[in-house]
PDB file of N, CA and C in Angstrom:
ATOM      1  N   MET A   1     -59.412 -35.253  93.496  1.00  0.00           N
ATOM      2  CA  MET A   1     -60.164 -36.205  92.672  1.00  0.00           C
ATOM      3  C   MET A   1     -59.972 -35.917  91.293  1.00  0.00           C
ATOM      4  N   VAL A   2     -59.826 -36.947  90.533  1.00  0.00           N
ATOM      5  CA  VAL A   2     -59.425 -36.839  89.025  1.00  0.00           C
ATOM      6  C   VAL A   2     -60.884 -36.581  88.191  1.00  0.00           C
ATOM      7  N   ASN A   3     -61.109 -35.773  87.333  1.00  0.00           N
ATOM      8  CA  ASN A   3     -62.398 -35.711  86.676  1.00  0.00           C
ATOM      9  C   ASN A   3     -62.237 -35.150  85.140  1.00  0.00           C
ATOM     10  N   LYS A   4     -63.033 -35.026  84.468  1.00  0.00           N
ATOM     11  CA  LYS A   4     -62.846 -34.434  83.136  1.00  0.00           C
ATOM     12  C   LYS A   4     -62.028 -33.153  83.112  1.00  0.00           C
ATOM     13  N   ASP A   5     -61.881 -32.489  83.901  1.00  0.00           N
ATOM     14  CA  ASP A   5     -61.112 -31.137  84.107  1.00  0.00           C
ATOM     15  C   ASP A   5     -59.765 -31.287  84.541  1.00  0.00           C
ATOM     16  N   THR A   6     -59.384 -32.362  84.823  1.00  0.00           N
ATOM     17  CA  THR A   6     -58.222 -32.484  85.561  1.00  0.00           C
ATOM     18  C   THR A   6     -57.035 -32.075  84.646  1.00  0.00           C
ATOM     19  N   ARG A   7     -56.059 -31.461  84.721  1.00  0.00           N
ATOM     20  CA  ARG A   7     -54.818 -31.117  84.057  1.00  0.00           C
ATOM     21  C   ARG A   7     -53.881 -31.938  84.387  1.00  0.00           C
ATOM     22  N   VAL A   8     -53.005 -32.359  83.348  1.00  0.00           N
ATOM     23  CA  VAL A   8     -51.829 -33.768  83.640  1.00  0.00           C
ATOM     24  C   VAL A   8     -50.481 -33.172  83.103  1.00  0.00           C
ATOM     25  N   ILE A   9     -49.426 -33.271  83.842  1.00  0.00           N
ATOM     26  CA  ILE A   9     -48.311 -33.109  83.444  1.00  0.00           C
ATOM     27  C   ILE A   9     -47.322 -34.469  83.425  1.00  0.00           C
ATOM     28  N   ILE A  10     -46.763 -34.668  82.443  1.00  0.00           N
ATOM     29  CA  ILE A  10     -46.212 -36.272  82.239  1.00  0.00           C
ATOM     30  C   ILE A  10     -44.548 -36.114  82.469  1.00  0.00           C
ATOM     31  N   GLN A  11     -44.415 -37.169  83.366  1.00  0.00           N
ATOM     32  CA  GLN A  11     -42.852 -37.426  83.629  1.00  0.00           C
ATOM     33  C   GLN A  11     -42.216 -38.424  82.723  1.00  0.00           C
ATOM     34  N   GLY A  12     -41.126 -37.902  82.070  1.00  0.00           N
ATOM     35  CA  GLY A  12     -40.726 -38.851  81.242  1.00  0.00           C
ATOM     36  C   GLY A  12     -41.364 -38.659  79.527  1.00  0.00           C
ATOM     37  N   ALA A  13     -41.803 -37.645  79.257  1.00  0.00           N
ATOM     38  CA  ALA A  13     -42.498 -37.237  78.177  1.00  0.00           C
ATOM     39  C   ALA A  13     -41.952 -37.315  76.874  1.00  0.00           C
ATOM     40  N   THR A  14     -40.568 -37.191  76.810  1.00  0.00           N
ATOM     41  CA  THR A  14     -39.572 -37.228  75.433  1.00  0.00           C
ATOM     42  C   THR A  14     -39.159 -38.654  75.365  1.00  0.00           C
ATOM     43  N   GLY A  15     -39.308 -39.553  76.042  1.00  0.00           N
ATOM     44  CA  GLY A  15     -38.691 -40.841  75.740  1.00  0.00           C
ATOM     45  C   GLY A  15     -39.670 -41.675  75.147  1.00  0.00           C
ATOM     46  N   LYS A  16     -39.294 -42.740  74.578  1.00  0.00           N
ATOM     47  CA  LYS A  16     -40.290 -43.729  73.740  1.00  0.00           C
ATOM     48  C   LYS A  16     -41.610 -43.871  74.190  1.00  0.00           C
ATOM     49  N   GLN A  17     -41.469 -44.568  75.486  1.00  0.00           N
ATOM     50  CA  GLN A  17     -42.732 -44.872  76.081  1.00  0.00           C
ATOM     51  C   GLN A  17     -43.511 -43.552  76.502  1.00  0.00           C
ATOM     52  N   GLY A  18     -42.907 -42.563  77.020  1.00  0.00           N
ATOM     53  CA  GLY A  18     -43.741 -41.129  77.239  1.00  0.00           C
ATOM     54  C   GLY A  18     -44.257 -40.746  76.145  1.00  0.00           C
ATOM     55  N   ARG A  19     -43.730 -40.841  74.874  1.00  0.00           N
ATOM     56  CA  ARG A  19     -44.303 -40.186  73.578  1.00  0.00           C
ATOM     57  C   ARG A  19     -45.530 -40.753  73.041  1.00  0.00           C
ATOM     58  N   TYR A  20     -45.366 -42.237  73.228  1.00  0.00           N
ATOM     59  CA  TYR A  20     -46.617 -43.079  72.965  1.00  0.00           C
ATOM     60  C   TYR A  20     -47.585 -42.674  73.826  1.00  0.00           C
ATOM     61  N   HIS A  21     -47.560 -42.645  75.048  1.00  0.00           N
ATOM     62  CA  HIS A  21     -48.552 -42.599  76.333  1.00  0.00           C
ATOM     63  C   HIS A  21     -49.158 -41.220  76.008  1.00  0.00           C
ATOM     64  N   THR A  22     -48.290 -40.329  75.927  1.00  0.00           N
ATOM     65  CA  THR A  22     -48.544 -38.818  75.433  1.00  0.00           C
ATOM     66  C   THR A  22     -49.667 -38.741  74.348  1.00  0.00           C
ATOM     67  N   LEU A  23     -49.256 -39.286  73.324  1.00  0.00           N
ATOM     68  CA  LEU A  23     -50.206 -39.431  72.212  1.00  0.00           C
ATOM     69  C   LEU A  23     -51.464 -40.014  72.474  1.00  0.00           C
ATOM     70  N   GLN A  24     -51.472 -41.196  73.373  1.00  0.00           N
ATOM     71  CA  GLN A  24     -52.855 -41.873  73.580  1.00  0.00           C
ATOM     72  C   GLN A  24     -53.659 -41.029  74.856  1.00  0.00           C
ATOM     73  N   MET A  25     -53.048 -40.424  75.561  1.00  0.00           N
ATOM     74  CA  MET A  25     -53.879 -39.522  76.401  1.00  0.00           C
ATOM     75  C   MET A  25     -54.439 -38.152  75.536  1.00  0.00           C
ATOM     76  N   LEU A  26     -53.740 -37.715  74.669  1.00  0.00           N
ATOM     77  CA  LEU A  26     -54.327 -36.625  73.770  1.00  0.00           C
ATOM     78  C   LEU A  26     -55.453 -37.251  72.760  1.00  0.00           C
ATOM     79  N   GLU A  27     -55.255 -38.479  72.486  1.00  0.00           N
ATOM     80  CA  GLU A  27     -56.606 -38.916  71.439  1.00  0.00           C
ATOM     81  C   GLU A  27     -57.669 -39.058  72.447  1.00  0.00           C
ATOM     82  N   TYR A  28     -57.455 -39.431  73.707  1.00  0.00           N
ATOM     83  CA  TYR A  28     -58.681 -39.469  74.894  1.00  0.00           C
ATOM     84  C   TYR A  28     -59.026 -38.214  75.375  1.00  0.00           C
ATOM     85  N   ASN A  29     -58.425 -36.874  74.724  1.00  0.00           N
ATOM     86  CA  ASN A  29     -58.921 -35.745  75.104  1.00  0.00           C
ATOM     87  C   ASN A  29     -58.439 -35.344  76.649  1.00  0.00           C
ATOM     88  N   VAL A  30     -57.352 -35.856  77.151  1.00  0.00           N
ATOM     89  CA  VAL A  30     -57.022 -35.632  78.420  1.00  0.00           C
ATOM     90  C   VAL A  30     -56.170 -34.114  78.187  1.00  0.00           C
ATOM     91  N   LYS A  31     -56.282 -33.628  79.216  1.00  0.00           N
ATOM     92  CA  LYS A  31     -55.633 -31.967  79.327  1.00  0.00           C
ATOM     93  C   LYS A  31     -54.332 -32.272  79.639  1.00  0.00           C
ATOM     94  N   VAL A  32     -53.409 -32.519  78.698  1.00  0.00           N
ATOM     95  CA  VAL A  32     -52.190 -32.717  79.036  1.00  0.00           C
ATOM     96  C   VAL A  32     -51.653 -31.296  78.991  1.00  0.00           C
ATOM     97  N   VAL A  33     -51.032 -30.831  79.880  1.00  0.00           N
ATOM     98  CA  VAL A  33     -50.472 -29.291  79.907  1.00  0.00           C
ATOM     99  C   VAL A  33     -48.753 -29.118  79.962  1.00  0.00           C
ATOM    100  N   GLY A  34     -48.290 -30.211  79.861  1.00  0.00           N
ATOM    101  CA  GLY A  34     -46.551 -30.389  79.917  1.00  0.00           C
ATOM    102  C   GLY A  34     -46.272 -31.563  80.296  1.00  0.00           C
ATOM    103  N   GLY A  35     -44.904 -31.603  80.070  1.00  0.00           N
ATOM    104  CA  GLY A  35     -44.031 -32.693  80.527  1.00  0.00           C
ATOM    105  C   GLY A  35     -42.597 -32.433  80.913  1.00  0.00           C
ATOM    106  N   VAL A  36     -42.141 -33.299  81.625  1.00  0.00           N
ATOM    107  CA  VAL A  36     -40.918 -33.268  82.424  1.00  0.00           C
ATOM    108  C   VAL A  36     -39.839 -34.271  82.093  1.00  0.00           C
ATOM    109  N   SER A  37     -38.606 -33.922  81.627  1.00  0.00           N
ATOM    110  CA  SER A  37     -37.519 -35.086  81.479  1.00  0.00           C
ATOM    111  C   SER A  37     -36.122 -34.582  81.788  1.00  0.00           C
ATOM    112  N   PRO A  38     -35.401 -34.924  82.449  1.00  0.00           N
ATOM    113  CA  PRO A  38     -34.110 -34.395  82.892  1.00  0.00           C
ATOM    114  C   PRO A  38     -33.234 -34.163  81.670  1.00  0.00           C
ATOM    115  N   GLY A  39     -32.668 -32.875  81.508  1.00  0.00           N
ATOM    116  CA  GLY A  39     -31.886 -32.497  80.468  1.00  0.00           C
ATOM    117  C   GLY A  39     -32.370 -32.341  79.128  1.00  0.00           C
ATOM    118  N   LYS A  40     -33.647 -32.233  79.081  1.00  0.00           N
ATOM    119  CA  LYS A  40     -34.386 -32.184  77.788  1.00  0.00           C
ATOM    120  C   LYS A  40     -35.264 -30.890  77.914  1.00  0.00           C
ATOM    121  N   GLY A  41     -34.888 -29.967  78.352  1.00  0.00           N
ATOM    122  CA  GLY A  41     -35.795 -28.701  78.466  1.00  0.00           C
ATOM    123  C   GLY A  41     -35.748 -28.007  76.919  1.00  0.00           C
ATOM    124  N   GLY A  42     -37.198 -27.596  76.793  1.00  0.00           N
ATOM    125  CA  GLY A  42     -37.476 -26.958  75.293  1.00  0.00           C
ATOM    126  C   GLY A  42     -37.604 -27.828  74.421  1.00  0.00           C
ATOM    127  N   GLN A  43     -38.119 -28.955  74.378  1.00  0.00           N
ATOM    128  CA  GLN A  43     -38.545 -30.030  73.340  1.00  0.00           C
ATOM    129  C   GLN A  43     -40.141 -30.340  73.374  1.00  0.00           C
ATOM    130  N   LEU A  44     -40.583 -30.318  72.288  1.00  0.00           N
ATOM    131  CA  LEU A  44     -42.093 -30.597  72.302  1.00  0.00           C
ATOM    132  C   LEU A  44     -42.048 -32.073  71.785  1.00  0.00           C
ATOM    133  N   ALA A  45     -43.157 -32.601  72.462  1.00  0.00           N
ATOM    134  CA  ALA A  45     -43.772 -33.792  72.095  1.00  0.00           C
ATOM    135  C   ALA A  45     -45.078 -33.761  71.735  1.00  0.00           C
ATOM    136  N   HIS A  46     -45.560 -33.955  70.580  1.00  0.00           N
ATOM    137  CA  HIS A  46     -46.964 -33.934  70.088  1.00  0.00           C
ATOM    138  C   HIS A  46     -47.503 -32.799  70.432  1.00  0.00           C
ATOM    139  N   GLY A  47     -46.789 -31.548  70.247  1.00  0.00           N
ATOM    140  CA  GLY A  47     -47.349 -30.068  70.536  1.00  0.00           C
ATOM    141  C   GLY A  47     -47.383 -29.820  71.641  1.00  0.00           C
ATOM    142  N   VAL A  48     -47.141 -30.611  72.825  1.00  0.00           N
ATOM    143  CA  VAL A  48     -47.185 -30.293  73.984  1.00  0.00           C
ATOM    144  C   VAL A  48     -45.729 -29.768  74.782  1.00  0.00           C
TER     145      VAL A  48
END
């Protein structure tokens, strides 16, 4: 079940849409703990 304590991992976090939606989620205080994108290890998107 999803609730206020749910932690989220984003797939495609370093792409244009992924960065946009990551920022939107952070502004809504979603607990984003990480993201994954093939071949892009070690990058940060909005501090995540």
